[in-house]
Amino acid sequence: MKRNQGGMTLLGFLMVLVVVGFAAFIAMRLFPMYQEYYSVKTALKGLSTEAGVSDMDPARIQDLFFRRLYINYSENVKPANVKIERMEGGWKMSVNYEVRRPLVGNLDVVGKFDASQDLTRRAPE
């Protein structure tokens, strides 16, 4: 009775290793961009719960926003990327920015991020 061994060859294993390694490399390049985006979203959400934010002037709101971002080491969001508009009952804050990171050689990965939050008066609970 003859048995055949099954399994992966060394060449097959190396191919799988290359694909997994390249996917991990891409993930390591993209993770900081998305981590910063979630920091922006968290800062906006935290700002919306700030007491009296709907009555503050835009410069004060922007200052509070950038203080929250400074804590999270966000460096790609600049004051020119922040837009604060008046709306009924408060403000609407929008943050639009772009991040460009080198990937391999002369190839770059570009992320465009857009987040907005209403900064309005809360109804008494």
PDB file of N, CA and C in Angstrom:
ATOM      1  N   MET A   1       0.836  -1.164   0.000  1.00  0.00           N
ATOM      2  CA  MET A   1       0.000   0.000   0.000  1.00  0.00           C
ATOM      3  C   MET A   1       0.896   1.248   0.000  1.00  0.00           C
ATOM      4  N   LYS A   2       0.771   2.086  -1.030  1.00  0.00           N
ATOM      5  CA  LYS A   2       1.609   3.258  -1.197  1.00  0.00           C
ATOM      6  C   LYS A   2       0.858   4.500  -0.708  1.00  0.00           C
ATOM      7  N   ARG A   3       1.534   5.320   0.100  1.00  0.00           N
ATOM      8  CA  ARG A   3       0.923   6.554   0.609  1.00  0.00           C
ATOM      9  C   ARG A   3       1.571   7.760  -0.062  1.00  0.00           C
ATOM     10  N   ASN A   4       0.760   8.731  -0.409  1.00  0.00           N
ATOM     11  CA  ASN A   4       1.267   9.986  -0.966  1.00  0.00           C
ATOM     12  C   ASN A   4       1.221  11.049   0.131  1.00  0.00           C
ATOM     13  N   GLN A   5       2.308  11.740   0.280  1.00  0.00           N
ATOM     14  CA  GLN A   5       2.319  12.834   1.239  1.00  0.00           C
ATOM     15  C   GLN A   5       1.713  14.069   0.585  1.00  0.00           C
ATOM     16  N   GLY A   6       0.921  14.791   1.348  1.00  0.00           N
ATOM     17  CA  GLY A   6       0.340  16.037   0.854  1.00  0.00           C
ATOM     18  C   GLY A   6       0.944  17.199   1.618  1.00  0.00           C
ATOM     19  N   GLY A   7       0.998  18.325   0.998  1.00  0.00           N
ATOM     20  CA  GLY A   7       1.537  19.486   1.689  1.00  0.00           C
ATOM     21  C   GLY A   7       1.986  20.540   0.720  1.00  0.00           C
ATOM     22  N   MET A   8       2.565  21.560   1.275  1.00  0.00           N
ATOM     23  CA  MET A   8       2.996  22.687   0.476  1.00  0.00           C
ATOM     24  C   MET A   8       4.492  22.559   0.207  1.00  0.00           C
ATOM     25  N   THR A   9       4.861  22.891  -0.988  1.00  0.00           N
ATOM     26  CA  THR A   9       6.287  22.855  -1.323  1.00  0.00           C
ATOM     27  C   THR A   9       6.962  24.107  -0.788  1.00  0.00           C
ATOM     28  N   LEU A  10       8.258  24.087  -0.776  1.00  0.00           N
ATOM     29  CA  LEU A  10       9.008  25.244  -0.311  1.00  0.00           C
ATOM     30  C   LEU A  10       8.721  26.461  -1.187  1.00  0.00           C
ATOM     31  N   LEU A  11       8.627  26.269  -2.493  1.00  0.00           N
ATOM     32  CA  LEU A  11       8.332  27.376  -3.403  1.00  0.00           C
ATOM     33  C   LEU A  11       6.922  27.925  -3.143  1.00  0.00           C
ATOM     34  N   GLY A  12       5.965  27.058  -2.920  1.00  0.00           N
ATOM     35  CA  GLY A  12       4.598  27.492  -2.604  1.00  0.00           C
ATOM     36  C   GLY A  12       4.549  28.263  -1.302  1.00  0.00           C
ATOM     37  N   PHE A  13       5.294  27.775  -0.302  1.00  0.00           N
ATOM     38  CA  PHE A  13       5.345  28.463   0.983  1.00  0.00           C
ATOM     39  C   PHE A  13       5.957  29.853   0.837  1.00  0.00           C
ATOM     40  N   LEU A  14       7.024  29.971   0.036  1.00  0.00           N
ATOM     41  CA  LEU A  14       7.652  31.273  -0.182  1.00  0.00           C
ATOM     42  C   LEU A  14       6.710  32.239  -0.896  1.00  0.00           C
ATOM     43  N   MET A  15       5.918  31.747  -1.828  1.00  0.00           N
ATOM     44  CA  MET A  15       4.950  32.603  -2.529  1.00  0.00           C
ATOM     45  C   MET A  15       3.891  33.125  -1.555  1.00  0.00           C
ATOM     46  N   VAL A  16       3.386  32.262  -0.701  1.00  0.00           N
ATOM     47  CA  VAL A  16       2.407  32.687   0.303  1.00  0.00           C
ATOM     48  C   VAL A  16       3.038  33.687   1.255  1.00  0.00           C
ATOM     49  N   LEU A  17       4.263  33.453   1.644  1.00  0.00           N
ATOM     50  CA  LEU A  17       4.976  34.354   2.535  1.00  0.00           C
ATOM     51  C   LEU A  17       5.169  35.734   1.904  1.00  0.00           C
ATOM     52  N   VAL A  18       5.476  35.787   0.616  1.00  0.00           N
ATOM     53  CA  VAL A  18       5.637  37.059  -0.087  1.00  0.00           C
ATOM     54  C   VAL A  18       4.317  37.820  -0.139  1.00  0.00           C
ATOM     55  N   VAL A  19       3.227  37.139  -0.435  1.00  0.00           N
ATOM     56  CA  VAL A  19       1.917  37.798  -0.515  1.00  0.00           C
ATOM     57  C   VAL A  19       1.498  38.329   0.860  1.00  0.00           C
ATOM     58  N   VAL A  20       1.659  37.526   1.889  1.00  0.00           N
ATOM     59  CA  VAL A  20       1.303  37.957   3.241  1.00  0.00           C
ATOM     60  C   VAL A  20       2.211  39.110   3.689  1.00  0.00           C
ATOM     61  N   GLY A  21       3.481  39.040   3.383  1.00  0.00           N
ATOM     62  CA  GLY A  21       4.416  40.105   3.738  1.00  0.00           C
ATOM     63  C   GLY A  21       4.080  41.416   3.040  1.00  0.00           C
ATOM     64  N   PHE A  22       3.706  41.344   1.755  1.00  0.00           N
ATOM     65  CA  PHE A  22       3.337  42.558   1.029  1.00  0.00           C
ATOM     66  C   PHE A  22       2.048  43.157   1.602  1.00  0.00           C
ATOM     67  N   ALA A  23       1.087  42.323   1.945  1.00  0.00           N
ATOM     68  CA  ALA A  23      -0.156  42.813   2.554  1.00  0.00           C
ATOM     69  C   ALA A  23       0.135  43.478   3.907  1.00  0.00           C
ATOM     70  N   ALA A  24       1.029  42.909   4.690  1.00  0.00           N
ATOM     71  CA  ALA A  24       1.403  43.502   5.976  1.00  0.00           C
ATOM     72  C   ALA A  24       2.125  44.839   5.769  1.00  0.00           C
ATOM     73  N   PHE A  25       2.960  44.928   4.745  1.00  0.00           N
ATOM     74  CA  PHE A  25       3.665  46.167   4.425  1.00  0.00           C
ATOM     75  C   PHE A  25       2.679  47.274   4.057  1.00  0.00           C
ATOM     76  N   ILE A  26       1.701  46.956   3.232  1.00  0.00           N
ATOM     77  CA  ILE A  26       0.671  47.925   2.837  1.00  0.00           C
ATOM     78  C   ILE A  26      -0.121  48.370   4.072  1.00  0.00           C
ATOM     79  N   ALA A  27      -0.485  47.419   4.923  1.00  0.00           N
ATOM     80  CA  ALA A  27      -1.254  47.746   6.130  1.00  0.00           C
ATOM     81  C   ALA A  27      -0.458  48.671   7.048  1.00  0.00           C
ATOM     82  N   MET A  28       0.836  48.441   7.161  1.00  0.00           N
ATOM     83  CA  MET A  28       1.671  49.309   8.009  1.00  0.00           C
ATOM     84  C   MET A  28       1.765  50.721   7.442  1.00  0.00           C
ATOM     85  N   ARG A  29       1.700  50.870   6.130  1.00  0.00           N
ATOM     86  CA  ARG A  29       1.741  52.195   5.509  1.00  0.00           C
ATOM     87  C   ARG A  29       0.401  52.922   5.658  1.00  0.00           C
ATOM     88  N   LEU A  30      -0.709  52.177   5.626  1.00  0.00           N
ATOM     89  CA  LEU A  30      -2.032  52.794   5.661  1.00  0.00           C
ATOM     90  C   LEU A  30      -2.539  53.041   7.072  1.00  0.00           C
ATOM     91  N   PHE A  31      -2.116  52.248   8.031  1.00  0.00           N
ATOM     92  CA  PHE A  31      -2.652  52.348   9.390  1.00  0.00           C
ATOM     93  C   PHE A  31      -2.508  53.740  10.009  1.00  0.00           C
ATOM     94  N   PRO A  32      -1.341  54.410   9.934  1.00  0.00           N
ATOM     95  CA  PRO A  32      -1.236  55.741  10.545  1.00  0.00           C
ATOM     96  C   PRO A  32      -2.203  56.766   9.946  1.00  0.00           C
ATOM     97  N   MET A  33      -2.465  56.672   8.645  1.00  0.00           N
ATOM     98  CA  MET A  33      -3.401  57.602   8.017  1.00  0.00           C
ATOM     99  C   MET A  33      -4.806  57.433   8.595  1.00  0.00           C
ATOM    100  N   TYR A  34      -5.238  56.193   8.713  1.00  0.00           N
ATOM    101  CA  TYR A  34      -6.582  55.943   9.237  1.00  0.00           C
ATOM    102  C   TYR A  34      -6.653  56.176  10.739  1.00  0.00           C
ATOM    103  N   GLN A  35      -5.578  55.964  11.440  1.00  0.00           N
ATOM    104  CA  GLN A  35      -5.559  56.258  12.870  1.00  0.00           C
ATOM    105  C   GLN A  35      -5.728  57.760  13.094  1.00  0.00           C
ATOM    106  N   GLU A  36      -5.091  58.561  12.262  1.00  0.00           N
ATOM    107  CA  GLU A  36      -5.247  60.004  12.367  1.00  0.00           C
ATOM    108  C   GLU A  36      -6.678  60.424  12.026  1.00  0.00           C
ATOM    109  N   TYR A  37      -7.267  59.787  11.022  1.00  0.00           N
ATOM    110  CA  TYR A  37      -8.656  60.098  10.655  1.00  0.00           C
ATOM    111  C   TYR A  37      -9.605  59.809  11.820  1.00  0.00           C
ATOM    112  N   TYR A  38      -9.403  58.692  12.489  1.00  0.00           N
ATOM    113  CA  TYR A  38     -10.266  58.384  13.632  1.00  0.00           C
ATOM    114  C   TYR A  38      -9.990  59.321  14.807  1.00  0.00           C
ATOM    115  N   SER A  39      -8.790  59.850  14.913  1.00  0.00           N
ATOM    116  CA  SER A  39      -8.502  60.872  15.921  1.00  0.00           C
ATOM    117  C   SER A  39      -9.271  62.153  15.616  1.00  0.00           C
ATOM    118  N   VAL A  40      -9.352  62.511  14.334  1.00  0.00           N
ATOM    119  CA  VAL A  40     -10.114  63.685  13.925  1.00  0.00           C
ATOM    120  C   VAL A  40     -11.589  63.484  14.252  1.00  0.00           C
ATOM    121  N   LYS A  41     -12.121  62.307  13.925  1.00  0.00           N
ATOM    122  CA  LYS A  41     -13.535  62.022  14.203  1.00  0.00           C
ATOM    123  C   LYS A  41     -13.810  62.038  15.706  1.00  0.00           C
ATOM    124  N   THR A  42     -12.889  61.503  16.492  1.00  0.00           N
ATOM    125  CA  THR A  42     -13.047  61.497  17.945  1.00  0.00           C
ATOM    126  C   THR A  42     -12.993  62.918  18.503  1.00  0.00           C
ATOM    127  N   ALA A  43     -12.095  63.738  17.971  1.00  0.00           N
ATOM    128  CA  ALA A  43     -11.993  65.123  18.423  1.00  0.00           C
ATOM    129  C   ALA A  43     -13.269  65.897  18.085  1.00  0.00           C
ATOM    130  N   LEU A  44     -13.825  65.656  16.901  1.00  0.00           N
ATOM    131  CA  LEU A  44     -15.077  66.318  16.523  1.00  0.00           C
ATOM    132  C   LEU A  44     -16.225  65.888  17.432  1.00  0.00           C
ATOM    133  N   LYS A  45     -16.296  64.603  17.687  1.00  0.00           N
ATOM    134  CA  LYS A  45     -17.373  64.093  18.546  1.00  0.00           C
ATOM    135  C   LYS A  45     -17.228  64.622  19.970  1.00  0.00           C
ATOM    136  N   GLY A  46     -16.006  64.670  20.475  1.00  0.00           N
ATOM    137  CA  GLY A  46     -15.768  65.211  21.806  1.00  0.00           C
ATOM    138  C   GLY A  46     -16.079  66.698  21.878  1.00  0.00           C
ATOM    139  N   LEU A  47     -15.780  67.406  20.799  1.00  0.00           N
ATOM    140  CA  LEU A  47     -16.072  68.832  20.746  1.00  0.00           C
ATOM    141  C   LEU A  47     -17.574  69.089  20.748  1.00  0.00           C
ATOM    142  N   SER A  48     -18.333  68.193  20.142  1.00  0.00           N
ATOM    143  CA  SER A  48     -19.791  68.380  20.104  1.00  0.00           C
ATOM    144  C   SER A  48     -20.420  68.217  21.477  1.00  0.00           C
ATOM    145  N   THR A  49     -19.739  67.539  22.402  1.00  0.00           N
ATOM    146  CA  THR A  49     -20.270  67.373  23.758  1.00  0.00           C
ATOM    147  C   THR A  49     -19.758  68.443  24.717  1.00  0.00           C
ATOM    148  N   GLU A  50     -18.887  69.317  24.222  1.00  0.00           N
ATOM    149  CA  GLU A  50     -18.345  70.406  25.038  1.00  0.00           C
ATOM    150  C   GLU A  50     -19.477  71.354  25.443  1.00  0.00           C
ATOM    151  N   ALA A  51     -19.490  71.752  26.692  1.00  0.00           N
ATOM    152  CA  ALA A  51     -20.536  72.643  27.200  1.00  0.00           C
ATOM    153  C   ALA A  51     -20.439  74.013  26.537  1.00  0.00           C
ATOM    154  N   GLY A  52     -21.541  74.486  25.997  1.00  0.00           N
ATOM    155  CA  GLY A  52     -21.609  75.818  25.410  1.00  0.00           C
ATOM    156  C   GLY A  52     -20.917  75.985  24.082  1.00  0.00           C
ATOM    157  N   VAL A  53     -20.629  74.902  23.398  1.00  0.00           N
ATOM    158  CA  VAL A  53     -19.896  74.999  22.135  1.00  0.00           C
ATOM    159  C   VAL A  53     -20.723  75.715  21.065  1.00  0.00           C
ATOM    160  N   SER A  54     -22.036  75.636  21.143  1.00  0.00           N
ATOM    161  CA  SER A  54     -22.863  76.282  20.117  1.00  0.00           C
ATOM    162  C   SER A  54     -22.826  77.805  20.228  1.00  0.00           C
ATOM    163  N   ASP A  55     -22.416  78.326  21.381  1.00  0.00           N
ATOM    164  CA  ASP A  55     -22.356  79.776  21.585  1.00  0.00           C
ATOM    165  C   ASP A  55     -20.941  80.337  21.478  1.00  0.00           C
ATOM    166  N   MET A  56     -19.954  79.490  21.244  1.00  0.00           N
ATOM    167  CA  MET A  56     -18.568  79.947  21.143  1.00  0.00           C
ATOM    168  C   MET A  56     -18.308  80.564  19.772  1.00  0.00           C
ATOM    169  N   ASP A  57     -17.265  81.389  19.710  1.00  0.00           N
ATOM    170  CA  ASP A  57     -16.896  81.927  18.403  1.00  0.00           C
ATOM    171  C   ASP A  57     -16.029  80.892  17.673  1.00  0.00           C
ATOM    172  N   PRO A  58     -15.996  80.957  16.335  1.00  0.00           N
ATOM    173  CA  PRO A  58     -15.263  79.947  15.546  1.00  0.00           C
ATOM    174  C   PRO A  58     -13.785  79.812  15.912  1.00  0.00           C
ATOM    175  N   ALA A  59     -13.135  80.900  16.272  1.00  0.00           N
ATOM    176  CA  ALA A  59     -11.711  80.815  16.628  1.00  0.00           C
ATOM    177  C   ALA A  59     -11.515  79.961  17.879  1.00  0.00           C
ATOM    178  N   ARG A  60     -12.404  80.097  18.843  1.00  0.00           N
ATOM    179  CA  ARG A  60     -12.314  79.301  20.083  1.00  0.00           C
ATOM    180  C   ARG A  60     -12.589  77.821  19.787  1.00  0.00           C
ATOM    181  N   ILE A  61     -13.584  77.561  18.927  1.00  0.00           N
ATOM    182  CA  ILE A  61     -13.902  76.177  18.556  1.00  0.00           C
ATOM    183  C   ILE A  61     -12.706  75.536  17.860  1.00  0.00           C
ATOM    184  N   GLN A  62     -12.098  76.270  16.931  1.00  0.00           N
ATOM    185  CA  GLN A  62     -10.941  75.742  16.205  1.00  0.00           C
ATOM    186  C   GLN A  62      -9.771  75.505  17.159  1.00  0.00           C
ATOM    187  N   ASP A  63      -9.570  76.394  18.115  1.00  0.00           N
ATOM    188  CA  ASP A  63      -8.505  76.225  19.096  1.00  0.00           C
ATOM    189  C   ASP A  63      -8.729  74.956  19.930  1.00  0.00           C
ATOM    190  N   LEU A  64      -9.949  74.734  20.382  1.00  0.00           N
ATOM    191  CA  LEU A  64     -10.257  73.523  21.154  1.00  0.00           C
ATOM    192  C   LEU A  64     -10.054  72.268  20.313  1.00  0.00           C
ATOM    193  N   PHE A  65     -10.439  72.341  19.045  1.00  0.00           N
ATOM    194  CA  PHE A  65     -10.274  71.199  18.142  1.00  0.00           C
ATOM    195  C   PHE A  65      -8.795  70.844  17.974  1.00  0.00           C
ATOM    196  N   PHE A  66      -7.963  71.847  17.712  1.00  0.00           N
ATOM    197  CA  PHE A  66      -6.542  71.569  17.504  1.00  0.00           C
ATOM    198  C   PHE A  66      -5.828  71.164  18.784  1.00  0.00           C
ATOM    199  N   ARG A  67      -6.319  71.582  19.926  1.00  0.00           N
ATOM    200  CA  ARG A  67      -5.759  71.086  21.188  1.00  0.00           C
ATOM    201  C   ARG A  67      -6.024  69.592  21.328  1.00  0.00           C
ATOM    202  N   ARG A  68      -7.224  69.178  20.952  1.00  0.00           N
ATOM    203  CA  ARG A  68      -7.549  67.741  21.007  1.00  0.00           C
ATOM    204  C   ARG A  68      -6.700  66.950  20.015  1.00  0.00           C
ATOM    205  N   LEU A  69      -6.466  67.514  18.835  1.00  0.00           N
ATOM    206  CA  LEU A  69      -5.629  66.826  17.854  1.00  0.00           C
ATOM    207  C   LEU A  69      -4.169  66.774  18.299  1.00  0.00           C
ATOM    208  N   TYR A  70      -3.695  67.803  18.977  1.00  0.00           N
ATOM    209  CA  TYR A  70      -2.310  67.843  19.435  1.00  0.00           C
ATOM    210  C   TYR A  70      -2.030  66.689  20.397  1.00  0.00           C
ATOM    211  N   ILE A  71      -3.012  66.361  21.200  1.00  0.00           N
ATOM    212  CA  ILE A  71      -2.865  65.250  22.143  1.00  0.00           C
ATOM    213  C   ILE A  71      -2.658  63.937  21.398  1.00  0.00           C
ATOM    214  N   ASN A  72      -3.300  63.790  20.228  1.00  0.00           N
ATOM    215  CA  ASN A  72      -3.219  62.552  19.448  1.00  0.00           C
ATOM    216  C   ASN A  72      -2.107  62.571  18.401  1.00  0.00           C
ATOM    217  N   TYR A  73      -1.233  63.575  18.437  1.00  0.00           N
ATOM    218  CA  TYR A  73      -0.098  63.680  17.520  1.00  0.00           C
ATOM    219  C   TYR A  73      -0.524  63.720  16.055  1.00  0.00           C
ATOM    220  N   SER A  74      -1.618  64.382  15.761  1.00  0.00           N
ATOM    221  CA  SER A  74      -2.057  64.543  14.377  1.00  0.00           C
ATOM    222  C   SER A  74      -1.294  65.704  13.761  1.00  0.00           C
ATOM    223  N   GLU A  75      -0.674  65.447  12.619  1.00  0.00           N
ATOM    224  CA  GLU A  75       0.145  66.485  12.013  1.00  0.00           C
ATOM    225  C   GLU A  75      -0.276  66.852  10.604  1.00  0.00           C
ATOM    226  N   ASN A  76      -1.235  66.153  10.018  1.00  0.00           N
ATOM    227  CA  ASN A  76      -1.636  66.434   8.646  1.00  0.00           C
ATOM    228  C   ASN A  76      -2.815  67.389   8.532  1.00  0.00           C
ATOM    229  N   VAL A  77      -3.532  67.619   9.602  1.00  0.00           N
ATOM    230  CA  VAL A  77      -4.678  68.521   9.576  1.00  0.00           C
ATOM    231  C   VAL A  77      -4.178  69.928   9.915  1.00  0.00           C
ATOM    232  N   LYS A  78      -4.398  70.843   9.007  1.00  0.00           N
ATOM    233  CA  LYS A  78      -3.973  72.229   9.167  1.00  0.00           C
ATOM    234  C   LYS A  78      -5.213  73.123   9.316  1.00  0.00           C
ATOM    235  N   PRO A  79      -5.042  74.324   9.851  1.00  0.00           N
ATOM    236  CA  PRO A  79      -6.187  75.232   9.988  1.00  0.00           C
ATOM    237  C   PRO A  79      -6.912  75.503   8.667  1.00  0.00           C
ATOM    238  N   ALA A  80      -6.202  75.474   7.552  1.00  0.00           N
ATOM    239  CA  ALA A  80      -6.846  75.699   6.248  1.00  0.00           C
ATOM    240  C   ALA A  80      -7.796  74.559   5.882  1.00  0.00           C
ATOM    241  N   ASN A  81      -7.645  73.393   6.504  1.00  0.00           N
ATOM    242  CA  ASN A  81      -8.501  72.242   6.212  1.00  0.00           C
ATOM    243  C   ASN A  81      -9.801  72.254   7.006  1.00  0.00           C
ATOM    244  N   VAL A  82      -9.929  73.188   7.936  1.00  0.00           N
ATOM    245  CA  VAL A  82     -11.094  73.223   8.823  1.00  0.00           C
ATOM    246  C   VAL A  82     -12.034  74.332   8.373  1.00  0.00           C
ATOM    247  N   LYS A  83     -13.317  73.991   8.285  1.00  0.00           N
ATOM    248  CA  LYS A  83     -14.330  74.964   7.881  1.00  0.00           C
ATOM    249  C   LYS A  83     -15.449  74.938   8.916  1.00  0.00           C
ATOM    250  N   ILE A  84     -15.790  76.104   9.443  1.00  0.00           N
ATOM    251  CA  ILE A  84     -16.850  76.212  10.444  1.00  0.00           C
ATOM    252  C   ILE A  84     -17.924  77.126   9.875  1.00  0.00           C
ATOM    253  N   GLU A  85     -19.147  76.598   9.767  1.00  0.00           N
ATOM    254  CA  GLU A  85     -20.268  77.349   9.208  1.00  0.00           C
ATOM    255  C   GLU A  85     -21.369  77.491  10.243  1.00  0.00           C
ATOM    256  N   ARG A  86     -22.036  78.622  10.205  1.00  0.00           N
ATOM    257  CA  ARG A  86     -23.169  78.862  11.107  1.00  0.00           C
ATOM    258  C   ARG A  86     -24.375  78.065  10.603  1.00  0.00           C
ATOM    259  N   MET A  87     -25.077  77.443  11.525  1.00  0.00           N
ATOM    260  CA  MET A  87     -26.325  76.755  11.214  1.00  0.00           C
ATOM    261  C   MET A  87     -27.305  77.032  12.340  1.00  0.00           C
ATOM    262  N   GLU A  88     -28.524  76.663  12.157  1.00  0.00           N
ATOM    263  CA  GLU A  88     -29.534  76.935  13.164  1.00  0.00           C
ATOM    264  C   GLU A  88     -29.203  76.197  14.455  1.00  0.00           C
ATOM    265  N   GLY A  89     -29.072  76.948  15.533  1.00  0.00           N
ATOM    266  CA  GLY A  89     -28.794  76.356  16.834  1.00  0.00           C
ATOM    267  C   GLY A  89     -27.332  76.080  17.110  1.00  0.00           C
ATOM    268  N   GLY A  90     -26.422  76.544  16.259  1.00  0.00           N
ATOM    269  CA  GLY A  90     -25.011  76.305  16.534  1.00  0.00           C
ATOM    270  C   GLY A  90     -24.136  76.412  15.299  1.00  0.00           C
ATOM    271  N   TRP A  91     -23.188  75.482  15.194  1.00  0.00           N
ATOM    272  CA  TRP A  91     -22.197  75.490  14.127  1.00  0.00           C
ATOM    273  C   TRP A  91     -22.110  74.120  13.470  1.00  0.00           C
ATOM    274  N   LYS A  92     -21.621  74.104  12.239  1.00  0.00           N
ATOM    275  CA  LYS A  92     -21.289  72.851  11.558  1.00  0.00           C
ATOM    276  C   LYS A  92     -19.804  72.924  11.221  1.00  0.00           C
ATOM    277  N   MET A  93     -19.075  71.960  11.726  1.00  0.00           N
ATOM    278  CA  MET A  93     -17.623  71.943  11.521  1.00  0.00           C
ATOM    279  C   MET A  93     -17.270  70.821  10.560  1.00  0.00           C
ATOM    280  N   SER A  94     -16.528  71.164   9.501  1.00  0.00           N
ATOM    281  CA  SER A  94     -16.097  70.192   8.498  1.00  0.00           C
ATOM    282  C   SER A  94     -14.578  70.195   8.414  1.00  0.00           C
ATOM    283  N   VAL A  95     -14.011  69.014   8.285  1.00  0.00           N
ATOM    284  CA  VAL A  95     -12.564  68.864   8.155  1.00  0.00           C
ATOM    285  C   VAL A  95     -12.306  68.030   6.903  1.00  0.00           C
ATOM    286  N   ASN A  96     -11.659  68.634   5.910  1.00  0.00           N
ATOM    287  CA  ASN A  96     -11.305  67.951   4.663  1.00  0.00           C
ATOM    288  C   ASN A  96      -9.799  68.062   4.478  1.00  0.00           C
ATOM    289  N   TYR A  97      -9.138  66.926   4.377  1.00  0.00           N
ATOM    290  CA  TYR A  97      -7.685  66.961   4.203  1.00  0.00           C
ATOM    291  C   TYR A  97      -7.228  65.752   3.414  1.00  0.00           C
ATOM    292  N   GLU A  98      -5.998  65.839   2.942  1.00  0.00           N
ATOM    293  CA  GLU A  98      -5.400  64.793   2.118  1.00  0.00           C
ATOM    294  C   GLU A  98      -4.050  64.413   2.711  1.00  0.00           C
ATOM    295  N   VAL A  99      -3.769  63.116   2.695  1.00  0.00           N
ATOM    296  CA  VAL A  99      -2.490  62.613   3.201  1.00  0.00           C
ATOM    297  C   VAL A  99      -1.819  61.833   2.069  1.00  0.00           C
ATOM    298  N   ARG A 100      -0.547  62.135   1.828  1.00  0.00           N
ATOM    299  CA  ARG A 100       0.216  61.429   0.794  1.00  0.00           C
ATOM    300  C   ARG A 100       1.425  60.796   1.458  1.00  0.00           C
ATOM    301  N   ARG A 101       1.543  59.479   1.298  1.00  0.00           N
ATOM    302  CA  ARG A 101       2.670  58.738   1.884  1.00  0.00           C
ATOM    303  C   ARG A 101       3.371  57.934   0.800  1.00  0.00           C
ATOM    304  N   PRO A 102       4.698  57.866   0.855  1.00  0.00           N
ATOM    305  CA  PRO A 102       5.413  57.023  -0.110  1.00  0.00           C
ATOM    306  C   PRO A 102       5.125  55.552   0.157  1.00  0.00           C
ATOM    307  N   LEU A 103       4.960  54.785  -0.914  1.00  0.00           N
ATOM    308  CA  LEU A 103       4.669  53.362  -0.768  1.00  0.00           C
ATOM    309  C   LEU A 103       5.889  52.541  -1.165  1.00  0.00           C
ATOM    310  N   VAL A 104       6.176  52.487  -2.454  1.00  0.00           N
ATOM    311  CA  VAL A 104       7.328  51.742  -2.957  1.00  0.00           C
ATOM    312  C   VAL A 104       7.936  52.549  -4.095  1.00  0.00           C
ATOM    313  N   GLY A 105       9.195  52.855  -3.997  1.00  0.00           N
ATOM    314  CA  GLY A 105       9.852  53.590  -5.071  1.00  0.00           C
ATOM    315  C   GLY A 105       9.199  54.936  -5.303  1.00  0.00           C
ATOM    316  N   ASN A 106       8.726  55.142  -6.537  1.00  0.00           N
ATOM    317  CA  ASN A 106       8.080  56.408  -6.858  1.00  0.00           C
ATOM    318  C   ASN A 106       6.556  56.321  -6.763  1.00  0.00           C
ATOM    319  N   LEU A 107       6.028  55.274  -6.169  1.00  0.00           N
ATOM    320  CA  LEU A 107       4.591  55.129  -5.979  1.00  0.00           C
ATOM    321  C   LEU A 107       4.191  55.670  -4.612  1.00  0.00           C
ATOM    322  N   ASP A 108       3.141  56.467  -4.611  1.00  0.00           N
ATOM    323  CA  ASP A 108       2.608  57.025  -3.370  1.00  0.00           C
ATOM    324  C   ASP A 108       1.199  56.513  -3.153  1.00  0.00           C
ATOM    325  N   VAL A 109       0.792  56.487  -1.904  1.00  0.00           N
ATOM    326  CA  VAL A 109      -0.594  56.198  -1.567  1.00  0.00           C
ATOM    327  C   VAL A 109      -1.190  57.509  -1.046  1.00  0.00           C
ATOM    328  N   VAL A 110      -2.377  57.843  -1.559  1.00  0.00           N
ATOM    329  CA  VAL A 110      -3.027  59.105  -1.207  1.00  0.00           C
ATOM    330  C   VAL A 110      -4.345  58.785  -0.531  1.00  0.00           C
ATOM    331  N   GLY A 111      -4.566  59.399   0.617  1.00  0.00           N
ATOM    332  CA  GLY A 111      -5.835  59.248   1.322  1.00  0.00           C
ATOM    333  C   GLY A 111      -6.525  60.592   1.414  1.00  0.00           C
ATOM    334  N   LYS A 112      -7.780  60.647   0.988  1.00  0.00           N
ATOM    335  CA  LYS A 112      -8.582  61.859   1.117  1.00  0.00           C
ATOM    336  C   LYS A 112      -9.614  61.605   2.200  1.00  0.00           C
ATOM    337  N   PHE A 113      -9.639  62.470   3.194  1.00  0.00           N
ATOM    338  CA  PHE A 113     -10.508  62.261   4.339  1.00  0.00           C
ATOM    339  C   PHE A 113     -11.441  63.450   4.507  1.00  0.00           C
ATOM    340  N   ASP A 114     -12.662  63.160   4.893  1.00  0.00           N
ATOM    341  CA  ASP A 114     -13.698  64.163   5.067  1.00  0.00           C
ATOM    342  C   ASP A 114     -14.521  63.786   6.290  1.00  0.00           C
ATOM    343  N   ALA A 115     -14.580  64.688   7.256  1.00  0.00           N
ATOM    344  CA  ALA A 115     -15.370  64.441   8.462  1.00  0.00           C
ATOM    345  C   ALA A 115     -16.105  65.729   8.815  1.00  0.00           C
ATOM    346  N   SER A 116     -17.319  65.586   9.324  1.00  0.00           N
ATOM    347  CA  SER A 116     -18.065  66.768   9.749  1.00  0.00           C
ATOM    348  C   SER A 116     -18.896  66.424  10.978  1.00  0.00           C
ATOM    349  N   GLN A 117     -19.225  67.470  11.725  1.00  0.00           N
ATOM    350  CA  GLN A 117     -19.978  67.288  12.980  1.00  0.00           C
ATOM    351  C   GLN A 117     -20.790  68.544  13.230  1.00  0.00           C
ATOM    352  N   ASP A 118     -22.026  68.362  13.655  1.00  0.00           N
ATOM    353  CA  ASP A 118     -22.861  69.486  14.071  1.00  0.00           C
ATOM    354  C   ASP A 118     -22.531  69.815  15.518  1.00  0.00           C
ATOM    355  N   LEU A 119     -22.305  71.086  15.780  1.00  0.00           N
ATOM    356  CA  LEU A 119     -22.018  71.558  17.135  1.00  0.00           C
ATOM    357  C   LEU A 119     -23.210  72.412  17.559  1.00  0.00           C
ATOM    358  N   THR A 120     -24.241  71.766  18.058  1.00  0.00           N
ATOM    359  CA  THR A 120     -25.484  72.454  18.374  1.00  0.00           C
ATOM    360  C   THR A 120     -25.804  72.328  19.845  1.00  0.00           C
ATOM    361  N   ARG A 121     -26.827  73.074  20.257  1.00  0.00           N
ATOM    362  CA  ARG A 121     -27.298  72.993  21.646  1.00  0.00           C
ATOM    363  C   ARG A 121     -27.970  71.647  21.865  1.00  0.00           C
ATOM    364  N   ARG A 122     -27.714  71.084  22.988  1.00  0.00           N
ATOM    365  CA  ARG A 122     -28.342  69.817  23.370  1.00  0.00           C
ATOM    366  C   ARG A 122     -29.622  70.111  24.118  1.00  0.00           C
ATOM    367  N   ALA A 123     -30.641  69.291  23.876  1.00  0.00           N
ATOM    368  CA  ALA A 123     -31.865  69.423  24.645  1.00  0.00           C
ATOM    369  C   ALA A 123     -31.611  68.928  26.056  1.00  0.00           C
ATOM    370  N   PRO A 124     -32.212  69.596  27.080  1.00  0.00           N
ATOM    371  CA  PRO A 124     -31.989  69.137  28.462  1.00  0.00           C
ATOM    372  C   PRO A 124     -32.492  67.711  28.652  1.00  0.00           C
ATOM    373  N   GLU A 125     -31.664  66.914  29.318  1.00  0.00           N
ATOM    374  CA  GLU A 125     -32.032  65.503  29.504  1.00  0.00           C
ATOM    375  C   GLU A 125     -32.596  65.267  30.871  1.00  0.00           C
TER     376      GLU A 125
END
